[in-house]
Protein backbone atom coordinates (compact mmCIF):
# COMPACT_ATOMS: atom_id res chain seq x y z
CA MET A 1 279.93 34.86 96.20
CA GLY A 2 279.07 36.59 99.38
CA ASP A 3 278.67 35.08 102.98
CA ARG A 4 274.93 34.95 102.73
CA GLU A 5 274.91 33.69 99.51
CA ARG A 6 277.10 30.56 100.65
CA GLU A 7 275.22 30.10 103.68
CA ARG A 8 272.11 30.08 101.93
CA GLY A 9 273.46 27.25 99.60
CA ASP A 10 275.43 25.15 102.43
CA ARG A 11 271.86 25.18 104.46
CA HIS A 12 269.95 24.33 101.39
CA ARG A 13 272.19 21.11 99.86
CA ASP A 14 270.57 18.81 102.40
CA ARG A 15 267.12 19.24 101.32
CA PRO A 16 265.40 16.21 99.88
CA LYS A 17 265.01 16.42 96.13
CA GLY A 18 261.68 15.84 94.45
CA PRO A 19 259.86 17.16 91.71
CA PRO A 20 259.41 20.78 91.55
CA PRO A 21 256.31 22.53 91.98
CA ALA A 22 254.20 23.13 89.05
CA ALA A 23 254.55 26.31 87.21
CA THR A 24 251.33 27.79 88.06
CA LEU A 25 251.64 27.44 91.93
CA SER A 26 251.61 30.68 93.66
CA ARG A 27 254.43 31.77 95.42
CA VAL A 28 252.96 30.66 98.72
CA GLN A 29 252.26 27.12 97.51
CA LYS A 30 255.95 26.91 96.23
CA LEU A 31 257.05 27.94 99.55
CA ARG A 32 254.56 25.39 101.57
CA TYR A 33 256.00 22.82 98.90
CA ALA A 34 259.62 23.45 99.88
CA VAL A 35 259.01 23.07 103.57
CA THR A 36 257.14 19.84 103.08
CA GLN A 37 259.93 18.28 101.54
CA GLY A 38 262.04 18.83 104.99
CA LYS A 39 259.57 19.12 107.44
CA TRP A 40 262.63 19.81 110.40
CA ASP A 41 264.54 22.42 108.22
CA VAL A 42 264.56 25.26 110.32
CA TYR A 43 266.43 27.17 107.36
CA ALA A 44 263.21 26.18 104.99
CA TRP A 45 260.68 27.43 107.63
CA ALA A 46 262.63 30.60 108.15
CA ASP A 47 262.96 31.24 104.44
CA ALA A 48 259.17 30.78 104.12
CA VAL A 49 258.36 33.00 106.88
CA GLU A 50 260.22 35.82 105.45
CA ASP A 51 258.83 35.39 102.10
CA LEU A 52 255.06 35.71 103.92
CA ARG A 53 256.28 38.92 105.30
CA GLY A 54 254.09 41.96 104.04
CA GLN A 55 251.80 39.27 102.07
CA PRO A 56 248.41 40.18 102.02
CA ALA A 57 246.03 37.92 104.03
CA SER A 58 244.50 35.14 102.09
CA ALA A 59 243.31 31.75 102.40
CA ASP A 60 246.61 30.65 101.10
CA VAL A 61 248.37 32.76 103.68
CA ARG A 62 246.69 31.55 106.68
CA SER A 63 247.03 28.18 105.64
CA ALA A 64 250.96 28.59 105.38
CA TYR A 65 251.32 30.20 108.75
CA GLU A 66 249.05 27.69 110.02
CA GLU A 67 251.30 24.61 108.64
CA ILE A 68 254.39 26.58 110.01
CA LEU A 69 252.79 26.88 113.42
CA ALA A 70 252.06 23.13 113.94
CA VAL A 71 255.59 22.63 113.54
CA MET A 72 256.75 25.60 115.52
CA PRO A 73 254.04 26.64 117.80
CA SER A 74 256.50 28.54 120.32
CA ALA A 75 257.96 30.69 117.63
CA GLY A 76 256.95 34.08 118.63
CA PHE A 77 258.08 35.92 115.65
CA VAL A 78 255.86 33.57 113.33
CA TRP A 79 252.88 34.65 115.54
CA SER A 80 253.47 38.12 115.38
CA ARG A 81 254.01 38.04 111.46
CA TYR A 82 250.51 36.00 111.07
CA ILE A 83 248.77 38.82 113.30
CA ALA A 84 250.58 41.78 111.08
CA ALA A 85 248.95 39.81 107.94
CA GLU A 86 245.41 39.59 109.46
CA MET A 87 245.70 43.44 110.46
CA GLY A 88 246.92 44.87 107.37
CA PRO A 89 245.03 45.04 103.90
CA GLY A 90 242.95 42.38 103.24
CA GLY A 91 243.22 41.00 106.78
CA SER A 92 240.13 40.25 109.18
CA LEU A 93 240.31 41.78 112.61
CA ASP A 94 237.95 38.58 113.66
CA HIS A 95 241.25 36.54 112.64
CA ALA A 96 243.42 38.60 114.50
CA LYS A 97 241.47 38.22 117.31
CA GLY A 98 241.30 34.23 117.40
CA ILE A 99 245.10 34.56 116.57
CA PHE A 100 245.70 36.22 119.91
CA GLY A 101 243.52 33.85 121.88
CA ARG A 102 245.62 30.97 120.61
CA CYS A 103 249.17 32.71 121.55
CA LEU A 104 249.40 35.34 124.17
CA LEU A 105 249.70 32.74 126.88
CA SER A 106 251.28 29.97 125.12
CA CYS A 107 253.99 32.23 123.73
CA PRO A 108 254.31 34.99 126.08
CA THR A 109 256.87 37.73 123.92
CA VAL A 110 256.88 41.44 124.36
CA GLU A 111 256.47 41.93 120.46
CA LEU A 112 253.24 39.58 120.93
CA HIS A 113 251.52 41.70 123.61
CA THR A 114 252.82 45.06 121.97
CA GLN A 115 250.83 44.12 118.97
CA TYR A 116 247.65 42.81 121.02
CA LEU A 117 247.63 46.37 122.91
CA GLN A 118 247.58 47.87 119.44
CA PHE A 119 244.91 45.49 118.37
CA ILE A 120 242.81 46.62 121.33
CA LYS A 121 243.51 50.19 120.82
CA ARG A 122 242.24 49.95 117.38
CA SER A 123 239.06 47.81 118.30
CA ASN A 124 238.01 50.19 120.87
CA GLU A 125 238.10 53.40 119.23
CA GLY A 126 234.94 55.56 119.63
CA LYS A 127 233.46 53.28 122.58
CA GLY A 128 234.37 55.98 125.28
CA VAL A 129 234.74 54.73 128.77
CA GLN A 130 233.65 51.04 128.23
CA GLY A 131 237.02 51.15 125.42
CA LEU A 132 239.00 52.55 128.31
CA SER A 133 238.00 49.99 130.35
CA GLU A 134 239.01 47.42 128.11
CA LEU A 135 242.08 48.83 127.41
CA ARG A 136 243.26 49.19 131.04
CA GLN A 137 242.49 45.22 131.43
CA ALA A 138 244.36 44.77 128.76
CA TYR A 139 247.46 46.77 129.67
CA GLU A 140 247.05 44.90 133.03
CA PHE A 141 246.93 41.37 131.39
CA SER A 142 249.86 42.07 129.28
CA LEU A 143 251.85 43.31 132.42
CA ASP A 144 250.84 40.62 134.42
CA THR A 145 252.20 38.34 131.57
CA VAL A 146 255.08 39.86 130.13
CA GLY A 147 255.91 42.82 132.66
CA GLN A 148 258.62 41.28 134.33
CA ASP A 149 260.53 40.77 130.61
CA MET A 150 263.56 43.20 130.33
CA ASP A 151 262.12 44.41 127.11
CA ALA A 152 258.72 45.64 128.69
CA GLY A 153 260.03 49.15 129.94
CA GLY A 154 258.01 50.46 126.82
CA LEU A 155 254.76 48.75 127.61
CA TRP A 156 255.30 50.23 131.11
CA ARG A 157 255.91 53.47 129.78
CA GLU A 158 252.71 53.36 128.04
CA TYR A 159 250.43 52.19 130.84
CA VAL A 160 251.75 55.27 132.98
CA GLU A 161 251.09 57.82 130.19
CA PHE A 162 247.73 56.07 129.89
CA LEU A 163 246.67 56.11 133.79
CA LYS A 164 247.93 59.46 133.65
CA SER A 165 245.60 60.55 130.53
CA THR A 166 242.55 58.68 132.02
C-alpha cells in the first residue's frame, strides 16, 4: 500500500458511518451523500471537488458545487472548477456569468480572473469596437483586483499585448 492510499485510509476512518446510498444514485449524488455525512470533513469535500472535475454541467453537478461553496465560499479552486464546468460541454455561459458575478470580488485569485478574461474574450468575439472596449474594461478590472499578486505577470503581459494590438 502506497503513501497516498494510506493517507486516504487515515483521513476517511473518522467519517460517520451510515447507511450506504442506494445503488441507483449517480456518482454526483454519492459524492453529495458522502460530504453530508461529515460537513467539516475537508478531505471529503476535496475528494468531491476532484471527482466533479471534468463532469459536464448538469443540475446535479451545479447543486453539488453550490453545496460545496456554501461550506467553503472562499475556495478559489472550487469556483474555478465550477466555472470550467459551465464553460465546457453542456454548460451555460449565462450561468458562468452569474458565477463570476458572485466570486470575482469575494475570492480574488489570478486563476479566476484569467478564466474571467477568457470568458470575456469568448463572449465578445465578432463584436468589433464594442467588444474591444469591454475586453479593455475587463483587463483593467482584473488588474485592479489582482494585479499586485505575484502570479499576475501573465495577465500584465496579455494586457500589454492587447494594448499593442488595438
